[in-house]
Amino acid sequence: MDFFKKGYFPGLFVALILASLAIQLAKLPFLSIMGPLVIAILLGMVWRMIFKENKKLEPGIQFSTKKLLRLGIILLGVQLNLYEIYEAGWQVILLAVFAVVIGFTVVYAFSKLLKVDQKLGILTACGTAICGAAAIIATAPQIKTKNNDIAIATGTIALLGTIFTLVYSIGYQYMNFTADQYGMFSGSTLHEVAHVVAAGAAGGSEAVDLAVLVKLIRVALLVPVIIFIGFVFAKKEKEESSKRFSLSMVPWFIFGFAIMSTLNTIFQIPENIADRIIDGSYLLMGMAMVGIGLNVQLSSFKSNGINALKAGLYGSIILSLLTFILIQWIG
């Protein structure tokens, strides 16, 4: 009863319907490259344009963007099996670490050069370097960013990832790569898992398997990156406000992500059950993305989006070139 008294139901219901629709739309051929999280934001924006702002939805939407978002990220940890990462070997792991460090550093550097807002620059850098929209929405609570910034960064990554996927697929025959090398290249440079799978298909099933493995190593690196960013911003906030350090500043949900990965590694959760948990994770994160879309100001794309897109583009090009050279060099 208390749930209905607080007015959560209307907002949660709308978020659930639109997130479910986004998941179904993401199964369509072209939309599958965009992914359900980006589509969920777009559906939220369309809803706002048609039905305008509705105060009755706010409690449920706030609950989605705060509580359900974190729960979704925790459940997403099930997609990682740490033993498979260990078996990949140190060279593959180092390549993934190289991609994350270079991707983040270069995109963030271009963001500063182009005078992109610091928080938007960090989100764009995380999305490029780690795992697209999931990394963006996992980072956002730690730096207390605006919904507009989340939407811009997510849209930027979706667009760039789609463009690079098409370029890779067409250019594979000219790259002089083996299937394994192409898989490593795709997995270490593309933005979303969907992009990696789509581009890797040009090199066959062997390339896709290795590409997804490298990508999942980058996803695993989400844990130390989020912890680092969380502590940096907590320290900055403490210095600016003279607050004492508190446990509320710790990104506990990312430890939940790590625990779910560990449980999957130890107990080998059956694939059909793991898939259902991941589906639930994307539904919860999709509900949060609907909430973000409902609160987006379209004018912010014009004022902030162009330079963020440029930073992501330039950074992605440099990441791809350096990784291409590295893989050619190490054979």
C-alpha atoms as a PDB file:
ATOM      1  CA  MET A   1       0.000   0.000   0.000  1.00  0.00           C
ATOM      2  CA  ASP A   2       2.841   2.351   0.863  1.00  0.00           C
ATOM      3  CA  PHE A   3       4.158   1.788  -2.675  1.00  0.00           C
ATOM      4  CA  PHE A   4       0.942   3.243  -4.172  1.00  0.00           C
ATOM      5  CA  LYS A   5       0.743   6.037  -1.585  1.00  0.00           C
ATOM      6  CA  LYS A   6       4.139   7.338  -2.680  1.00  0.00           C
ATOM      7  CA  GLY A   7       2.884   7.573  -6.247  1.00  0.00           C
ATOM      8  CA  TYR A   8       5.481   5.265  -7.789  1.00  0.00           C
ATOM      9  CA  PHE A   9       3.076   3.217  -9.897  1.00  0.00           C
ATOM     10  CA  PRO A  10       2.260   5.596 -12.833  1.00  0.00           C
ATOM     11  CA  GLY A  11       5.909   6.406 -13.600  1.00  0.00           C
ATOM     12  CA  LEU A  12       7.078   2.812 -13.161  1.00  0.00           C
ATOM     13  CA  PHE A  13       4.266   1.549 -15.377  1.00  0.00           C
ATOM     14  CA  VAL A  14       5.162   3.930 -18.231  1.00  0.00           C
ATOM     15  CA  ALA A  15       8.869   3.129 -17.819  1.00  0.00           C
ATOM     16  CA  LEU A  16       8.159  -0.623 -17.856  1.00  0.00           C
ATOM     17  CA  ILE A  17       6.014  -0.438 -21.015  1.00  0.00           C
ATOM     18  CA  LEU A  18       8.498   1.723 -22.934  1.00  0.00           C
ATOM     19  CA  ALA A  19      11.528  -0.289 -21.776  1.00  0.00           C
ATOM     20  CA  SER A  20       9.814  -3.532 -22.835  1.00  0.00           C
ATOM     21  CA  LEU A  21       9.039  -1.994 -26.226  1.00  0.00           C
ATOM     22  CA  ALA A  22      12.675  -0.875 -26.561  1.00  0.00           C
ATOM     23  CA  ILE A  23      13.885  -4.440 -25.940  1.00  0.00           C
ATOM     24  CA  GLN A  24      11.576  -5.780 -28.641  1.00  0.00           C
ATOM     25  CA  LEU A  25      12.557  -3.063 -31.128  1.00  0.00           C
ATOM     26  CA  ALA A  26      16.245  -3.825 -30.482  1.00  0.00           C
ATOM     27  CA  LYS A  27      15.669  -7.281 -31.992  1.00  0.00           C
ATOM     28  CA  LEU A  28      14.992  -5.731 -35.415  1.00  0.00           C
ATOM     29  CA  PRO A  29      17.918  -5.862 -37.913  1.00  0.00           C
ATOM     30  CA  PHE A  30      19.229  -2.277 -37.930  1.00  0.00           C
ATOM     31  CA  LEU A  31      17.976  -1.294 -34.483  1.00  0.00           C
ATOM     32  CA  SER A  32      19.896  -4.203 -32.926  1.00  0.00           C
ATOM     33  CA  ILE A  33      23.114  -2.224 -33.470  1.00  0.00           C
ATOM     34  CA  MET A  34      21.700   0.692 -31.448  1.00  0.00           C
ATOM     35  CA  GLY A  35      20.751  -1.518 -28.521  1.00  0.00           C
ATOM     36  CA  PRO A  36      17.767  -1.353 -26.136  1.00  0.00           C
ATOM     37  CA  LEU A  37      19.212   1.326 -23.843  1.00  0.00           C
ATOM     38  CA  VAL A  38      19.583   3.930 -26.584  1.00  0.00           C
ATOM     39  CA  ILE A  39      16.134   3.071 -27.956  1.00  0.00           C
ATOM     40  CA  ALA A  40      14.664   3.427 -24.443  1.00  0.00           C
ATOM     41  CA  ILE A  41      16.025   6.981 -24.186  1.00  0.00           C
ATOM     42  CA  LEU A  42      14.561   7.835 -27.604  1.00  0.00           C
ATOM     43  CA  LEU A  43      11.155   6.420 -26.623  1.00  0.00           C
ATOM     44  CA  GLY A  44      11.217   8.492 -23.432  1.00  0.00           C
ATOM     45  CA  MET A  45      11.971  11.612 -25.479  1.00  0.00           C
ATOM     46  CA  VAL A  46       9.139  10.812 -27.918  1.00  0.00           C
ATOM     47  CA  TRP A  47       6.709  10.273 -25.012  1.00  0.00           C
ATOM     48  CA  ARG A  48       7.636  13.669 -23.575  1.00  0.00           C
ATOM     49  CA  MET A  49       7.124  15.377 -26.947  1.00  0.00           C
ATOM     50  CA  ILE A  50       3.670  13.805 -27.391  1.00  0.00           C
ATOM     51  CA  PHE A  51       2.276  13.944 -23.838  1.00  0.00           C
ATOM     52  CA  LYS A  52       4.351  16.832 -22.436  1.00  0.00           C
ATOM     53  CA  GLU A  53       5.592  16.898 -18.835  1.00  0.00           C
ATOM     54  CA  ASN A  54       3.505  14.932 -16.315  1.00  0.00           C
ATOM     55  CA  LYS A  55       4.180  15.466 -12.611  1.00  0.00           C
ATOM     56  CA  LYS A  56       2.347  12.234 -11.724  1.00  0.00           C
ATOM     57  CA  LEU A  57       5.127  10.235 -13.374  1.00  0.00           C
ATOM     58  CA  GLU A  58       7.973  11.843 -11.415  1.00  0.00           C
ATOM     59  CA  PRO A  59       8.083   9.620  -8.281  1.00  0.00           C
ATOM     60  CA  GLY A  60       8.224   6.397 -10.301  1.00  0.00           C
ATOM     61  CA  ILE A  61      10.681   7.850 -12.809  1.00  0.00           C
ATOM     62  CA  GLN A  62      12.986   9.029 -10.014  1.00  0.00           C
ATOM     63  CA  PHE A  63      12.813   5.535  -8.477  1.00  0.00           C
ATOM     64  CA  SER A  64      13.758   4.013 -11.860  1.00  0.00           C
ATOM     65  CA  THR A  65      16.706   6.312 -12.522  1.00  0.00           C
ATOM     66  CA  LYS A  66      18.163   5.826  -9.033  1.00  0.00           C
ATOM     67  CA  LYS A  67      17.242   2.453  -7.501  1.00  0.00           C
ATOM     68  CA  LEU A  68      16.399   0.276 -10.511  1.00  0.00           C
ATOM     69  CA  LEU A  69      19.416   1.555 -12.440  1.00  0.00           C
ATOM     70  CA  ARG A  70      21.832   0.335  -9.761  1.00  0.00           C
ATOM     71  CA  LEU A  71      20.056  -3.025  -9.452  1.00  0.00           C
ATOM     72  CA  GLY A  72      20.266  -3.462 -13.227  1.00  0.00           C
ATOM     73  CA  ILE A  73      24.011  -2.799 -13.210  1.00  0.00           C
ATOM     74  CA  ILE A  74      24.502  -5.313 -10.374  1.00  0.00           C
ATOM     75  CA  LEU A  75      22.640  -8.041 -12.288  1.00  0.00           C
ATOM     76  CA  LEU A  76      24.658  -7.281 -15.441  1.00  0.00           C
ATOM     77  CA  GLY A  77      27.697  -8.792 -13.696  1.00  0.00           C
ATOM     78  CA  VAL A  78      26.293 -12.243 -14.510  1.00  0.00           C
ATOM     79  CA  GLN A  79      27.490 -11.895 -18.112  1.00  0.00           C
ATOM     80  CA  LEU A  80      31.124 -12.156 -16.938  1.00  0.00           C
ATOM     81  CA  ASN A  81      32.958 -15.384 -16.211  1.00  0.00           C
ATOM     82  CA  LEU A  82      36.286 -14.392 -14.665  1.00  0.00           C
ATOM     83  CA  TYR A  83      37.850 -17.795 -15.378  1.00  0.00           C
ATOM     84  CA  GLU A  84      37.321 -17.345 -19.129  1.00  0.00           C
ATOM     85  CA  ILE A  85      39.087 -13.993 -18.862  1.00  0.00           C
ATOM     86  CA  TYR A  86      41.976 -15.660 -17.011  1.00  0.00           C
ATOM     87  CA  GLU A  87      42.181 -18.367 -19.707  1.00  0.00           C
ATOM     88  CA  ALA A  88      42.385 -15.744 -22.467  1.00  0.00           C
ATOM     89  CA  GLY A  89      46.027 -15.121 -21.566  1.00  0.00           C
ATOM     90  CA  TRP A  90      47.993 -12.084 -20.532  1.00  0.00           C
ATOM     91  CA  GLN A  91      48.414 -10.694 -24.070  1.00  0.00           C
ATOM     92  CA  VAL A  92      44.655 -10.462 -24.642  1.00  0.00           C
ATOM     93  CA  ILE A  93      44.115  -8.966 -21.186  1.00  0.00           C
ATOM     94  CA  LEU A  94      46.861  -6.390 -21.766  1.00  0.00           C
ATOM     95  CA  LEU A  95      45.307  -5.474 -25.115  1.00  0.00           C
ATOM     96  CA  ALA A  96      41.967  -4.817 -23.387  1.00  0.00           C
ATOM     97  CA  VAL A  97      43.686  -2.744 -20.682  1.00  0.00           C
ATOM     98  CA  PHE A  98      45.548  -0.807 -23.400  1.00  0.00           C
ATOM     99  CA  ALA A  99      42.248  -0.081 -25.182  1.00  0.00           C
ATOM    100  CA  VAL A 100      40.531   1.150 -22.010  1.00  0.00           C
ATOM    101  CA  VAL A 101      43.430   3.373 -20.915  1.00  0.00           C
ATOM    102  CA  ILE A 102      44.049   4.860 -24.374  1.00  0.00           C
ATOM    103  CA  GLY A 103      40.352   5.192 -25.204  1.00  0.00           C
ATOM    104  CA  PHE A 104      39.526   7.012 -21.987  1.00  0.00           C
ATOM    105  CA  THR A 105      42.616   9.239 -22.005  1.00  0.00           C
ATOM    106  CA  VAL A 106      42.351  10.339 -25.637  1.00  0.00           C
ATOM    107  CA  VAL A 107      38.600  11.032 -25.628  1.00  0.00           C
ATOM    108  CA  TYR A 108      38.806  12.932 -22.336  1.00  0.00           C
ATOM    109  CA  ALA A 109      41.787  14.932 -23.638  1.00  0.00           C
ATOM    110  CA  PHE A 110      39.858  15.932 -26.764  1.00  0.00           C
ATOM    111  CA  SER A 111      36.860  16.802 -24.586  1.00  0.00           C
ATOM    112  CA  LYS A 112      38.974  19.242 -22.601  1.00  0.00           C
ATOM    113  CA  LEU A 113      40.517  20.635 -25.794  1.00  0.00           C
ATOM    114  CA  LEU A 114      37.063  21.218 -27.292  1.00  0.00           C
ATOM    115  CA  LYS A 115      35.769  22.715 -24.009  1.00  0.00           C
ATOM    116  CA  VAL A 116      33.182  19.990 -23.438  1.00  0.00           C
ATOM    117  CA  ASP A 117      31.691  20.027 -19.934  1.00  0.00           C
ATOM    118  CA  GLN A 118      33.894  17.877 -17.663  1.00  0.00           C
ATOM    119  CA  LYS A 119      31.167  15.420 -16.657  1.00  0.00           C
ATOM    120  CA  LEU A 120      29.939  14.976 -20.234  1.00  0.00           C
ATOM    121  CA  GLY A 121      33.568  14.406 -21.290  1.00  0.00           C
ATOM    122  CA  ILE A 122      33.993  11.691 -18.657  1.00  0.00           C
ATOM    123  CA  LEU A 123      30.785   9.941 -19.722  1.00  0.00           C
ATOM    124  CA  THR A 124      31.800  10.022 -23.394  1.00  0.00           C
ATOM    125  CA  ALA A 125      35.273   8.732 -22.517  1.00  0.00           C
ATOM    126  CA  CYS A 126      33.873   5.866 -20.415  1.00  0.00           C
ATOM    127  CA  GLY A 127      31.385   4.918 -23.127  1.00  0.00           C
ATOM    128  CA  THR A 128      34.129   4.812 -25.748  1.00  0.00           C
ATOM    129  CA  ALA A 129      36.724   3.016 -23.655  1.00  0.00           C
ATOM    130  CA  ILE A 130      34.667   0.429 -21.786  1.00  0.00           C
ATOM    131  CA  CYS A 131      31.217  -0.725 -22.825  1.00  0.00           C
ATOM    132  CA  GLY A 132      29.057   1.999 -24.329  1.00  0.00           C
ATOM    133  CA  ALA A 133      25.729   2.897 -22.727  1.00  0.00           C
ATOM    134  CA  ALA A 134      26.144   0.514 -19.761  1.00  0.00           C
ATOM    135  CA  ALA A 135      29.418   2.222 -18.790  1.00  0.00           C
ATOM    136  CA  ILE A 136      27.835   5.657 -19.170  1.00  0.00           C
ATOM    137  CA  ILE A 137      24.884   4.917 -16.914  1.00  0.00           C
ATOM    138  CA  ALA A 138      27.142   3.173 -14.369  1.00  0.00           C
ATOM    139  CA  THR A 139      29.450   6.204 -14.232  1.00  0.00           C
ATOM    140  CA  ALA A 140      26.719   8.861 -14.105  1.00  0.00           C
ATOM    141  CA  PRO A 141      25.679   8.398 -10.432  1.00  0.00           C
ATOM    142  CA  GLN A 142      29.294   8.693  -9.290  1.00  0.00           C
ATOM    143  CA  ILE A 143      29.792  12.125 -10.832  1.00  0.00           C
ATOM    144  CA  LYS A 144      26.202  13.337 -10.219  1.00  0.00           C
ATOM    145  CA  THR A 145      25.680  14.393 -13.800  1.00  0.00           C
ATOM    146  CA  LYS A 146      22.567  15.705 -15.552  1.00  0.00           C
ATOM    147  CA  ASN A 147      20.109  13.584 -17.539  1.00  0.00           C
ATOM    148  CA  ASN A 148      20.925  15.676 -20.608  1.00  0.00           C
ATOM    149  CA  ASP A 149      24.596  14.673 -20.388  1.00  0.00           C
ATOM    150  CA  ILE A 150      23.699  10.976 -20.107  1.00  0.00           C
ATOM    151  CA  ALA A 151      21.455  11.225 -23.181  1.00  0.00           C
ATOM    152  CA  ILE A 152      24.089  13.109 -25.218  1.00  0.00           C
ATOM    153  CA  ALA A 153      26.890  10.686 -24.304  1.00  0.00           C
ATOM    154  CA  THR A 154      24.708   7.636 -24.980  1.00  0.00           C
ATOM    155  CA  GLY A 155      23.540   9.009 -28.338  1.00  0.00           C
ATOM    156  CA  THR A 156      27.117   9.896 -29.297  1.00  0.00           C
ATOM    157  CA  ILE A 157      28.381   6.390 -28.548  1.00  0.00           C
ATOM    158  CA  ALA A 158      25.479   4.746 -30.375  1.00  0.00           C
ATOM    159  CA  LEU A 159      26.096   6.825 -33.504  1.00  0.00           C
ATOM    160  CA  LEU A 160      29.883   6.381 -33.498  1.00  0.00           C
ATOM    161  CA  GLY A 161      29.636   2.665 -32.757  1.00  0.00           C
ATOM    162  CA  THR A 162      27.237   2.144 -35.653  1.00  0.00           C
ATOM    163  CA  ILE A 163      29.475   4.082 -38.073  1.00  0.00           C
ATOM    164  CA  PHE A 164      32.628   2.214 -37.008  1.00  0.00           C
ATOM    165  CA  THR A 165      30.794  -1.135 -37.219  1.00  0.00           C
ATOM    166  CA  LEU A 166      29.912  -0.447 -40.853  1.00  0.00           C
ATOM    167  CA  VAL A 167      33.466   0.734 -41.642  1.00  0.00           C
ATOM    168  CA  TYR A 168      35.007  -2.377 -40.038  1.00  0.00           C
ATOM    169  CA  SER A 169      32.612  -4.758 -41.796  1.00  0.00           C
ATOM    170  CA  ILE A 170      33.325  -3.239 -45.205  1.00  0.00           C
ATOM    171  CA  GLY A 171      37.061  -2.753 -44.575  1.00  0.00           C
ATOM    172  CA  TYR A 172      37.828  -6.203 -43.140  1.00  0.00           C
ATOM    173  CA  GLN A 173      38.930  -7.610 -46.488  1.00  0.00           C
ATOM    174  CA  TYR A 174      41.568  -4.851 -46.792  1.00  0.00           C
ATOM    175  CA  MET A 175      42.978  -5.142 -43.253  1.00  0.00           C
ATOM    176  CA  ASN A 176      45.275  -8.119 -43.843  1.00  0.00           C
ATOM    177  CA  PHE A 177      44.153  -9.625 -40.520  1.00  0.00           C
ATOM    178  CA  THR A 178      43.599 -13.263 -39.578  1.00  0.00           C
ATOM    179  CA  ALA A 179      40.187 -14.044 -38.050  1.00  0.00           C
ATOM    180  CA  ASP A 180      41.752 -13.989 -34.556  1.00  0.00           C
ATOM    181  CA  GLN A 181      43.470 -10.656 -35.137  1.00  0.00           C
ATOM    182  CA  TYR A 182      40.297  -9.105 -36.513  1.00  0.00           C
ATOM    183  CA  GLY A 183      38.339 -10.396 -33.531  1.00  0.00           C
ATOM    184  CA  MET A 184      40.846  -8.847 -31.135  1.00  0.00           C
ATOM    185  CA  PHE A 185      40.764  -5.579 -33.087  1.00  0.00           C
ATOM    186  CA  SER A 186      36.950  -5.373 -33.098  1.00  0.00           C
ATOM    187  CA  GLY A 187      36.605  -6.402 -29.466  1.00  0.00           C
ATOM    188  CA  SER A 188      39.150  -3.884 -28.209  1.00  0.00           C
ATOM    189  CA  THR A 189      37.966  -0.818 -30.145  1.00  0.00           C
ATOM    190  CA  LEU A 190      34.189  -0.955 -30.738  1.00  0.00           C
ATOM    191  CA  HIS A 191      31.776   0.615 -28.293  1.00  0.00           C
ATOM    192  CA  GLU A 192      28.885  -1.768 -27.533  1.00  0.00           C
ATOM    193  CA  VAL A 193      28.732  -5.580 -27.378  1.00  0.00           C
ATOM    194  CA  ALA A 194      26.168  -5.385 -30.206  1.00  0.00           C
ATOM    195  CA  HIS A 195      28.688  -3.466 -32.340  1.00  0.00           C
ATOM    196  CA  VAL A 196      31.363  -6.068 -31.618  1.00  0.00           C
ATOM    197  CA  VAL A 197      29.106  -8.969 -32.622  1.00  0.00           C
ATOM    198  CA  ALA A 198      27.891  -7.217 -35.792  1.00  0.00           C
ATOM    199  CA  ALA A 199      31.384  -6.218 -36.969  1.00  0.00           C
ATOM    200  CA  GLY A 200      33.011  -9.492 -35.896  1.00  0.00           C
ATOM    201  CA  ALA A 201      30.615 -11.434 -38.131  1.00  0.00           C
ATOM    202  CA  ALA A 202      32.639 -10.289 -41.167  1.00  0.00           C
ATOM    203  CA  GLY A 203      35.518 -12.475 -39.913  1.00  0.00           C
ATOM    204  CA  GLY A 204      33.394 -15.523 -39.102  1.00  0.00           C
ATOM    205  CA  SER A 205      32.430 -17.259 -35.848  1.00  0.00           C
ATOM    206  CA  GLU A 206      36.053 -17.505 -34.649  1.00  0.00           C
ATOM    207  CA  ALA A 207      36.442 -13.726 -34.920  1.00  0.00           C
ATOM    208  CA  VAL A 208      33.112 -13.122 -33.130  1.00  0.00           C
ATOM    209  CA  ASP A 209      34.041 -15.417 -30.221  1.00  0.00           C
ATOM    210  CA  LEU A 210      37.368 -13.693 -29.611  1.00  0.00           C
ATOM    211  CA  ALA A 211      35.894 -10.231 -30.173  1.00  0.00           C
ATOM    212  CA  VAL A 212      33.216 -10.823 -27.518  1.00  0.00           C
ATOM    213  CA  LEU A 213      35.813 -12.198 -25.086  1.00  0.00           C
ATOM    214  CA  VAL A 214      38.038  -9.110 -25.458  1.00  0.00           C
ATOM    215  CA  LYS A 215      34.980  -6.902 -25.099  1.00  0.00           C
ATOM    216  CA  LEU A 216      33.950  -8.653 -21.882  1.00  0.00           C
ATOM    217  CA  ILE A 217      37.431  -8.080 -20.458  1.00  0.00           C
ATOM    218  CA  ARG A 218      36.841  -4.365 -21.094  1.00  0.00           C
ATOM    219  CA  VAL A 219      33.477  -4.712 -19.337  1.00  0.00           C
ATOM    220  CA  ALA A 220      35.270  -6.274 -16.331  1.00  0.00           C
ATOM    221  CA  LEU A 221      37.513  -3.192 -16.189  1.00  0.00           C
ATOM    222  CA  LEU A 222      34.371  -1.161 -15.497  1.00  0.00           C
ATOM    223  CA  VAL A 223      34.792  -2.089 -11.817  1.00  0.00           C
ATOM    224  CA  PRO A 224      38.215  -0.470 -11.157  1.00  0.00           C
ATOM    225  CA  VAL A 225      37.422   2.510 -13.411  1.00  0.00           C
ATOM    226  CA  ILE A 226      34.150   3.314 -11.612  1.00  0.00           C
ATOM    227  CA  ILE A 227      35.776   2.917  -8.206  1.00  0.00           C
ATOM    228  CA  PHE A 228      38.598   5.257  -9.261  1.00  0.00           C
ATOM    229  CA  ILE A 229      36.238   7.889 -10.686  1.00  0.00           C
ATOM    230  CA  GLY A 230      33.972   7.600  -7.651  1.00  0.00           C
ATOM    231  CA  PHE A 231      36.813   8.232  -5.210  1.00  0.00           C
ATOM    232  CA  VAL A 232      38.254  11.106  -7.264  1.00  0.00           C
ATOM    233  CA  PHE A 233      34.897  12.898  -7.330  1.00  0.00           C
ATOM    234  CA  ALA A 234      34.187  12.079  -3.685  1.00  0.00           C
ATOM    235  CA  LYS A 235      37.534  13.603  -2.738  1.00  0.00           C
ATOM    236  CA  LYS A 236      36.824  16.672  -4.886  1.00  0.00           C
ATOM    237  CA  GLU A 237      33.359  17.084  -3.353  1.00  0.00           C
ATOM    238  CA  LYS A 238      34.810  16.721   0.136  1.00  0.00           C
ATOM    239  CA  GLU A 239      37.415  19.428  -0.559  1.00  0.00           C
ATOM    240  CA  GLU A 240      34.860  21.817  -2.062  1.00  0.00           C
ATOM    241  CA  SER A 241      32.235  21.387   0.656  1.00  0.00           C
ATOM    242  CA  SER A 242      34.499  20.578   3.621  1.00  0.00           C
ATOM    243  CA  LYS A 243      32.477  17.397   4.197  1.00  0.00           C
ATOM    244  CA  ARG A 244      33.944  14.388   5.932  1.00  0.00           C
ATOM    245  CA  PHE A 245      34.310  11.210   3.943  1.00  0.00           C
ATOM    246  CA  SER A 246      31.258   8.971   4.318  1.00  0.00           C
ATOM    247  CA  LEU A 247      30.368   5.470   3.144  1.00  0.00           C
ATOM    248  CA  SER A 248      27.641   6.977   0.942  1.00  0.00           C
ATOM    249  CA  MET A 249      30.412   8.213  -1.347  1.00  0.00           C
ATOM    250  CA  VAL A 250      31.487   4.627  -2.128  1.00  0.00           C
ATOM    251  CA  PRO A 251      30.012   3.143  -5.342  1.00  0.00           C
ATOM    252  CA  TRP A 252      28.643   0.036  -3.595  1.00  0.00           C
ATOM    253  CA  PHE A 253      26.574  -1.078  -6.589  1.00  0.00           C
ATOM    254  CA  ILE A 254      29.737  -1.741  -8.608  1.00  0.00           C
ATOM    255  CA  PHE A 255      30.864  -4.182  -5.905  1.00  0.00           C
ATOM    256  CA  GLY A 256      27.524  -5.923  -6.442  1.00  0.00           C
ATOM    257  CA  PHE A 257      28.451  -6.170 -10.129  1.00  0.00           C
ATOM    258  CA  ALA A 258      31.774  -7.802  -9.145  1.00  0.00           C
ATOM    259  CA  ILE A 259      30.041 -10.189  -6.715  1.00  0.00           C
ATOM    260  CA  MET A 260      27.613 -11.362  -9.419  1.00  0.00           C
ATOM    261  CA  SER A 261      30.577 -11.991 -11.743  1.00  0.00           C
ATOM    262  CA  THR A 262      32.324 -13.969  -9.008  1.00  0.00           C
ATOM    263  CA  LEU A 263      29.202 -16.046  -8.314  1.00  0.00           C
ATOM    264  CA  ASN A 264      28.884 -16.868 -12.014  1.00  0.00           C
ATOM    265  CA  THR A 265      32.564 -17.869 -12.107  1.00  0.00           C
ATOM    266  CA  ILE A 266      32.360 -20.141  -9.036  1.00  0.00           C
ATOM    267  CA  PHE A 267      28.957 -21.745  -9.551  1.00  0.00           C
ATOM    268  CA  GLN A 268      28.789 -21.677 -13.376  1.00  0.00           C
ATOM    269  CA  ILE A 269      25.212 -20.377 -13.548  1.00  0.00           C
ATOM    270  CA  PRO A 270      23.392 -22.277 -16.352  1.00  0.00           C
ATOM    271  CA  GLU A 271      23.318 -20.296 -19.568  1.00  0.00           C
ATOM    272  CA  ASN A 272      19.510 -20.183 -19.823  1.00  0.00           C
ATOM    273  CA  ILE A 273      19.235 -18.766 -16.280  1.00  0.00           C
ATOM    274  CA  ALA A 274      22.094 -16.298 -16.841  1.00  0.00           C
ATOM    275  CA  ASP A 275      20.395 -15.095 -20.035  1.00  0.00           C
ATOM    276  CA  ARG A 276      17.146 -14.432 -18.129  1.00  0.00           C
ATOM    277  CA  ILE A 277      19.035 -12.487 -15.457  1.00  0.00           C
ATOM    278  CA  ILE A 278      20.766 -10.398 -18.144  1.00  0.00           C
ATOM    279  CA  ASP A 279      17.387  -9.780 -19.801  1.00  0.00           C
ATOM    280  CA  GLY A 280      16.080  -8.566 -16.436  1.00  0.00           C
ATOM    281  CA  SER A 281      19.148  -6.361 -16.057  1.00  0.00           C
ATOM    282  CA  TYR A 282      18.525  -4.668 -19.403  1.00  0.00           C
ATOM    283  CA  LEU A 283      14.833  -4.234 -18.576  1.00  0.00           C
ATOM    284  CA  LEU A 284      15.702  -2.420 -15.320  1.00  0.00           C
ATOM    285  CA  MET A 285      18.391  -0.290 -16.996  1.00  0.00           C
ATOM    286  CA  GLY A 286      15.973   0.374 -19.858  1.00  0.00           C
ATOM    287  CA  MET A 287      13.378   1.681 -17.380  1.00  0.00           C
ATOM    288  CA  ALA A 288      16.021   4.053 -16.035  1.00  0.00           C
ATOM    289  CA  MET A 289      16.868   5.179 -19.583  1.00  0.00           C
ATOM    290  CA  VAL A 290      13.194   5.904 -20.266  1.00  0.00           C
ATOM    291  CA  GLY A 291      13.268   8.176 -17.219  1.00  0.00           C
ATOM    292  CA  ILE A 292      16.313   9.955 -18.574  1.00  0.00           C
ATOM    293  CA  GLY A 293      14.631  10.414 -21.948  1.00  0.00           C
ATOM    294  CA  LEU A 294      11.553  11.877 -20.263  1.00  0.00           C
ATOM    295  CA  ASN A 295      13.726  14.560 -18.665  1.00  0.00           C
ATOM    296  CA  VAL A 296      15.939  15.462 -21.633  1.00  0.00           C
ATOM    297  CA  GLN A 297      15.983  18.995 -23.028  1.00  0.00           C
ATOM    298  CA  LEU A 298      16.465  18.741 -26.800  1.00  0.00           C
ATOM    299  CA  SER A 299      18.161  22.153 -26.875  1.00  0.00           C
ATOM    300  CA  SER A 300      21.091  20.661 -24.932  1.00  0.00           C
ATOM    301  CA  PHE A 301      22.031  18.482 -27.917  1.00  0.00           C
ATOM    302  CA  LYS A 302      22.590  21.551 -30.041  1.00  0.00           C
ATOM    303  CA  SER A 303      24.628  23.410 -27.416  1.00  0.00           C
ATOM    304  CA  ASN A 304      26.712  20.505 -26.039  1.00  0.00           C
ATOM    305  CA  GLY A 305      26.323  17.549 -28.365  1.00  0.00           C
ATOM    306  CA  ILE A 306      28.468  18.591 -31.355  1.00  0.00           C
ATOM    307  CA  ASN A 307      31.757  18.931 -29.477  1.00  0.00           C
ATOM    308  CA  ALA A 308      31.109  15.758 -27.479  1.00  0.00           C
ATOM    309  CA  LEU A 309      30.551  13.955 -30.788  1.00  0.00           C
ATOM    310  CA  LYS A 310      33.805  15.392 -32.180  1.00  0.00           C
ATOM    311  CA  ALA A 311      35.744  14.312 -29.068  1.00  0.00           C
ATOM    312  CA  GLY A 312      34.322  10.790 -29.300  1.00  0.00           C
ATOM    313  CA  LEU A 313      35.019  10.613 -33.029  1.00  0.00           C
ATOM    314  CA  TYR A 314      38.622  11.816 -32.830  1.00  0.00           C
ATOM    315  CA  GLY A 315      39.320   9.594 -29.830  1.00  0.00           C
ATOM    316  CA  SER A 316      37.766   6.537 -31.494  1.00  0.00           C
ATOM    317  CA  ILE A 317      39.844   7.068 -34.648  1.00  0.00           C
ATOM    318  CA  ILE A 318      43.093   7.301 -32.659  1.00  0.00           C
ATOM    319  CA  LEU A 319      42.155   4.247 -30.560  1.00  0.00           C
ATOM    320  CA  SER A 320      41.450   2.246 -33.721  1.00  0.00           C
ATOM    321  CA  LEU A 321      44.692   3.322 -35.424  1.00  0.00           C
ATOM    322  CA  LEU A 322      46.912   2.613 -32.405  1.00  0.00           C
ATOM    323  CA  THR A 323      45.252  -0.766 -31.782  1.00  0.00           C
ATOM    324  CA  PHE A 324      45.559  -1.665 -35.488  1.00  0.00           C
ATOM    325  CA  ILE A 325      49.289  -0.883 -35.382  1.00  0.00           C
ATOM    326  CA  LEU A 326      49.768  -2.781 -32.110  1.00  0.00           C
ATOM    327  CA  ILE A 327      48.056  -5.937 -33.371  1.00  0.00           C
ATOM    328  CA  GLN A 328      50.023  -5.824 -36.636  1.00  0.00           C
ATOM    329  CA  TRP A 329      53.222  -5.379 -34.622  1.00  0.00           C
ATOM    330  CA  ILE A 330      52.645  -8.234 -32.145  1.00  0.00           C
ATOM    331  CA  GLY A 331      51.254 -10.480 -34.887  1.00  0.00           C
END
